[in-house]
Amino acid sequence: MVKELKPHIDKRYSVYTNRENTFITGSSMGGLISPYAFCEYPKIFGWAACLSTHWLGSFTTENNPFPNSMIRYLSKKLPNPKSHKIYFDCGD
């Protein structure tokens, strides 16, 4: 997305190319990929919407390393909220 799709769109269409106007959005598994892209490419994406996010391993907490590892990852990688915006929701 960052190396091929976005550069192609930026060249071909009349769009704003700066971070402040670049969003990533996904639902379900895409709702998990969106915060990943947002965290890994904060110079590219200024906004993320994570809809009905599919949190792997979140239904059981007993002997489950996922919740703590995700908290550690997000604590280190989430961009500054003064320059980046994120929206999460969760359905059941």
N, C-alpha and C. Protein backbone atom coordinates (compact mmCIF):
# COMPACT_ATOMS: atom_id res chain seq x y z
N MET A 1 0.81 -1.19 0.00
CA MET A 1 0.00 0.00 0.00
C MET A 1 0.86 1.26 0.00
N VAL A 2 1.86 1.29 0.85
CA VAL A 2 2.70 2.48 0.99
C VAL A 2 3.67 2.63 -0.17
N LYS A 3 4.17 1.51 -0.67
CA LYS A 3 5.20 1.58 -1.70
C LYS A 3 4.65 1.57 -3.13
N GLU A 4 3.44 1.02 -3.33
CA GLU A 4 2.89 0.93 -4.69
C GLU A 4 1.55 1.66 -4.85
N LEU A 5 0.57 1.31 -4.02
CA LEU A 5 -0.78 1.84 -4.22
C LEU A 5 -0.88 3.34 -3.98
N LYS A 6 -0.41 3.81 -2.83
CA LYS A 6 -0.51 5.24 -2.54
C LYS A 6 0.28 6.08 -3.54
N PRO A 7 1.53 5.73 -3.87
CA PRO A 7 2.24 6.52 -4.90
C PRO A 7 1.50 6.54 -6.25
N HIS A 8 0.90 5.42 -6.61
CA HIS A 8 0.13 5.37 -7.87
C HIS A 8 -1.06 6.32 -7.82
N ILE A 9 -1.81 6.29 -6.73
CA ILE A 9 -2.97 7.18 -6.59
C ILE A 9 -2.52 8.63 -6.56
N ASP A 10 -1.45 8.91 -5.83
CA ASP A 10 -0.95 10.29 -5.73
C ASP A 10 -0.55 10.85 -7.09
N LYS A 11 0.02 10.02 -7.96
CA LYS A 11 0.43 10.46 -9.29
C LYS A 11 -0.74 10.60 -10.26
N ARG A 12 -1.69 9.68 -10.16
CA ARG A 12 -2.75 9.59 -11.16
C ARG A 12 -3.95 10.50 -10.90
N TYR A 13 -4.23 10.77 -9.63
CA TYR A 13 -5.44 11.52 -9.28
C TYR A 13 -5.10 12.83 -8.57
N SER A 14 -6.02 13.75 -8.65
CA SER A 14 -5.85 15.04 -7.99
C SER A 14 -6.25 14.89 -6.51
N VAL A 15 -5.28 14.52 -5.70
CA VAL A 15 -5.52 14.29 -4.26
C VAL A 15 -4.47 15.03 -3.45
N TYR A 16 -4.83 15.31 -2.21
CA TYR A 16 -3.82 15.81 -1.28
C TYR A 16 -2.93 14.64 -0.90
N THR A 17 -1.64 14.83 -0.90
CA THR A 17 -0.72 13.72 -0.65
C THR A 17 -0.07 13.77 0.73
N ASN A 18 -0.34 14.83 1.49
CA ASN A 18 0.31 14.97 2.79
C ASN A 18 -0.33 14.08 3.85
N ARG A 19 0.39 13.87 4.93
CA ARG A 19 -0.06 13.01 6.03
C ARG A 19 -1.39 13.47 6.61
N GLU A 20 -1.58 14.75 6.76
CA GLU A 20 -2.80 15.28 7.37
C GLU A 20 -4.06 14.94 6.58
N ASN A 21 -3.90 14.61 5.32
CA ASN A 21 -5.04 14.27 4.47
C ASN A 21 -5.01 12.83 3.99
N THR A 22 -4.21 12.00 4.64
CA THR A 22 -4.12 10.60 4.24
C THR A 22 -4.65 9.71 5.35
N PHE A 23 -5.71 8.98 5.04
CA PHE A 23 -6.43 8.14 5.99
C PHE A 23 -6.24 6.67 5.61
N ILE A 24 -6.33 5.81 6.61
CA ILE A 24 -6.42 4.38 6.36
C ILE A 24 -7.60 3.86 7.17
N THR A 25 -8.42 3.04 6.54
CA THR A 25 -9.63 2.54 7.19
C THR A 25 -9.83 1.08 6.82
N GLY A 26 -10.30 0.31 7.78
CA GLY A 26 -10.63 -1.08 7.51
C GLY A 26 -11.60 -1.60 8.53
N SER A 27 -12.27 -2.70 8.18
CA SER A 27 -13.17 -3.33 9.14
C SER A 27 -12.79 -4.80 9.29
N SER A 28 -13.16 -5.36 10.42
CA SER A 28 -12.84 -6.73 10.78
C SER A 28 -11.32 -6.91 10.78
N MET A 29 -10.77 -7.81 9.96
CA MET A 29 -9.31 -7.97 9.94
C MET A 29 -8.65 -6.69 9.41
N GLY A 30 -9.33 -5.99 8.50
CA GLY A 30 -8.83 -4.69 8.03
C GLY A 30 -8.78 -3.67 9.15
N GLY A 31 -9.66 -3.86 10.15
CA GLY A 31 -9.65 -3.01 11.33
C GLY A 31 -8.46 -3.28 12.23
N LEU A 32 -7.80 -4.41 12.04
CA LEU A 32 -6.55 -4.70 12.74
C LEU A 32 -5.35 -4.26 11.91
N ILE A 33 -5.46 -4.36 10.61
CA ILE A 33 -4.38 -3.94 9.72
C ILE A 33 -4.25 -2.42 9.72
N SER A 34 -5.36 -1.71 9.84
CA SER A 34 -5.33 -0.24 9.83
C SER A 34 -4.48 0.35 10.95
N PRO A 35 -4.64 -0.08 12.22
CA PRO A 35 -3.77 0.50 13.24
C PRO A 35 -2.31 0.08 13.06
N TYR A 36 -2.09 -1.11 12.49
CA TYR A 36 -0.72 -1.53 12.21
C TYR A 36 -0.07 -0.57 11.20
N ALA A 37 -0.75 -0.31 10.10
CA ALA A 37 -0.21 0.61 9.09
C ALA A 37 -0.03 2.01 9.67
N PHE A 38 -0.98 2.44 10.47
CA PHE A 38 -0.95 3.75 11.13
C PHE A 38 0.28 3.86 12.04
N CYS A 39 0.57 2.79 12.78
CA CYS A 39 1.71 2.78 13.70
C CYS A 39 3.05 2.64 12.98
N GLU A 40 3.07 1.83 11.94
CA GLU A 40 4.33 1.58 11.23
C GLU A 40 4.69 2.68 10.23
N TYR A 41 3.71 3.43 9.77
CA TYR A 41 3.95 4.47 8.77
C TYR A 41 3.32 5.80 9.20
N PRO A 42 3.74 6.34 10.35
CA PRO A 42 3.14 7.58 10.84
C PRO A 42 3.46 8.80 9.97
N LYS A 43 4.47 8.71 9.13
CA LYS A 43 4.77 9.82 8.22
C LYS A 43 3.86 9.81 7.00
N ILE A 44 3.20 8.69 6.77
CA ILE A 44 2.29 8.54 5.62
C ILE A 44 0.84 8.78 6.04
N PHE A 45 0.40 8.11 7.12
CA PHE A 45 -0.99 8.15 7.54
C PHE A 45 -1.19 9.06 8.75
N GLY A 46 -2.06 10.05 8.61
CA GLY A 46 -2.36 10.95 9.71
C GLY A 46 -3.63 10.56 10.46
N TRP A 47 -4.40 9.68 9.87
CA TRP A 47 -5.69 9.26 10.44
C TRP A 47 -5.87 7.77 10.22
N ALA A 48 -6.56 7.12 11.16
CA ALA A 48 -6.94 5.72 10.98
C ALA A 48 -8.32 5.51 11.57
N ALA A 49 -9.13 4.73 10.87
CA ALA A 49 -10.43 4.30 11.40
C ALA A 49 -10.42 2.78 11.40
N CYS A 50 -10.63 2.22 12.57
CA CYS A 50 -10.56 0.78 12.77
C CYS A 50 -11.94 0.31 13.18
N LEU A 51 -12.67 -0.24 12.23
CA LEU A 51 -14.09 -0.55 12.43
C LEU A 51 -14.29 -2.03 12.69
N SER A 52 -15.07 -2.32 13.70
CA SER A 52 -15.38 -3.70 14.05
C SER A 52 -14.11 -4.55 14.05
N THR A 53 -13.12 -4.04 14.75
CA THR A 53 -11.77 -4.62 14.74
C THR A 53 -11.77 -6.07 15.22
N HIS A 54 -11.11 -6.92 14.48
CA HIS A 54 -10.97 -8.34 14.81
C HIS A 54 -9.71 -8.52 15.66
N TRP A 55 -9.89 -8.48 16.97
CA TRP A 55 -8.75 -8.64 17.88
C TRP A 55 -8.49 -10.12 18.09
N LEU A 56 -7.48 -10.63 17.42
CA LEU A 56 -7.13 -12.04 17.53
C LEU A 56 -6.86 -12.42 18.99
N GLY A 57 -7.39 -13.52 19.41
CA GLY A 57 -7.11 -14.00 20.75
C GLY A 57 -7.70 -13.19 21.87
N SER A 58 -8.64 -12.33 21.58
CA SER A 58 -9.17 -11.45 22.62
C SER A 58 -10.35 -12.05 23.38
N PHE A 59 -10.79 -13.24 22.99
CA PHE A 59 -11.96 -13.81 23.64
C PHE A 59 -11.64 -14.61 24.89
N THR A 60 -10.38 -14.94 25.06
CA THR A 60 -9.96 -15.62 26.28
C THR A 60 -8.69 -14.96 26.79
N THR A 61 -8.61 -14.73 28.07
CA THR A 61 -7.43 -14.07 28.63
C THR A 61 -6.52 -15.05 29.36
N GLU A 62 -7.01 -16.24 29.66
CA GLU A 62 -6.21 -17.23 30.38
C GLU A 62 -5.09 -17.75 29.47
N ASN A 63 -3.85 -17.61 29.92
CA ASN A 63 -2.67 -18.05 29.17
C ASN A 63 -2.62 -17.46 27.76
N ASN A 64 -3.06 -16.25 27.62
CA ASN A 64 -3.12 -15.61 26.31
C ASN A 64 -2.13 -14.44 26.28
N PRO A 65 -1.06 -14.56 25.51
CA PRO A 65 -0.07 -13.48 25.46
C PRO A 65 -0.49 -12.28 24.60
N PHE A 66 -1.52 -12.46 23.79
CA PHE A 66 -1.88 -11.40 22.84
C PHE A 66 -2.25 -10.07 23.48
N PRO A 67 -3.15 -10.01 24.47
CA PRO A 67 -3.53 -8.70 25.01
C PRO A 67 -2.33 -7.90 25.53
N ASN A 68 -1.45 -8.53 26.30
CA ASN A 68 -0.29 -7.79 26.83
C ASN A 68 0.68 -7.40 25.73
N SER A 69 0.90 -8.26 24.76
CA SER A 69 1.83 -7.91 23.68
C SER A 69 1.26 -6.77 22.84
N MET A 70 -0.05 -6.75 22.63
CA MET A 70 -0.67 -5.67 21.87
C MET A 70 -0.59 -4.35 22.63
N ILE A 71 -0.81 -4.38 23.92
CA ILE A 71 -0.69 -3.18 24.74
C ILE A 71 0.74 -2.64 24.68
N ARG A 72 1.73 -3.52 24.79
CA ARG A 72 3.13 -3.09 24.71
C ARG A 72 3.43 -2.46 23.34
N TYR A 73 2.98 -3.12 22.28
CA TYR A 73 3.22 -2.61 20.92
C TYR A 73 2.59 -1.23 20.74
N LEU A 74 1.31 -1.10 21.10
CA LEU A 74 0.63 0.18 20.92
C LEU A 74 1.22 1.26 21.81
N SER A 75 1.65 0.91 23.00
CA SER A 75 2.28 1.89 23.90
C SER A 75 3.54 2.47 23.29
N LYS A 76 4.28 1.66 22.56
CA LYS A 76 5.52 2.11 21.93
C LYS A 76 5.28 2.80 20.59
N LYS A 77 4.30 2.33 19.83
CA LYS A 77 4.19 2.72 18.43
C LYS A 77 3.10 3.71 18.06
N LEU A 78 2.08 3.87 18.90
CA LEU A 78 1.01 4.80 18.52
C LEU A 78 1.58 6.21 18.33
N PRO A 79 1.26 6.85 17.22
CA PRO A 79 1.76 8.21 16.98
C PRO A 79 1.16 9.21 17.97
N ASN A 80 1.78 10.34 18.04
CA ASN A 80 1.36 11.43 18.94
C ASN A 80 -0.06 11.88 18.62
N PRO A 81 -0.96 11.90 19.62
CA PRO A 81 -2.34 12.31 19.35
C PRO A 81 -2.48 13.79 18.98
N LYS A 82 -1.44 14.57 19.14
CA LYS A 82 -1.50 15.98 18.72
C LYS A 82 -1.38 16.10 17.20
N SER A 83 -0.76 15.09 16.57
CA SER A 83 -0.58 15.16 15.12
C SER A 83 -1.30 14.05 14.36
N HIS A 84 -1.83 13.07 15.08
CA HIS A 84 -2.49 11.93 14.46
C HIS A 84 -3.82 11.65 15.16
N LYS A 85 -4.78 11.13 14.42
CA LYS A 85 -6.10 10.82 14.98
C LYS A 85 -6.45 9.38 14.65
N ILE A 86 -7.08 8.70 15.62
CA ILE A 86 -7.49 7.32 15.40
C ILE A 86 -8.89 7.11 15.97
N TYR A 87 -9.67 6.28 15.27
CA TYR A 87 -11.02 5.95 15.72
C TYR A 87 -11.12 4.42 15.78
N PHE A 88 -11.59 3.92 16.91
CA PHE A 88 -11.83 2.48 17.08
C PHE A 88 -13.29 2.26 17.41
N ASP A 89 -13.84 1.17 16.90
CA ASP A 89 -15.11 0.70 17.43
C ASP A 89 -15.10 -0.82 17.42
N CYS A 90 -16.03 -1.40 18.13
CA CYS A 90 -16.08 -2.84 18.26
C CYS A 90 -17.53 -3.29 18.30
N GLY A 91 -17.84 -4.27 17.52
CA GLY A 91 -19.19 -4.84 17.55
C GLY A 91 -19.18 -6.19 18.24
N ASP A 92 -20.31 -6.78 18.39
CA ASP A 92 -20.36 -8.13 18.95
C ASP A 92 -21.35 -9.00 18.18
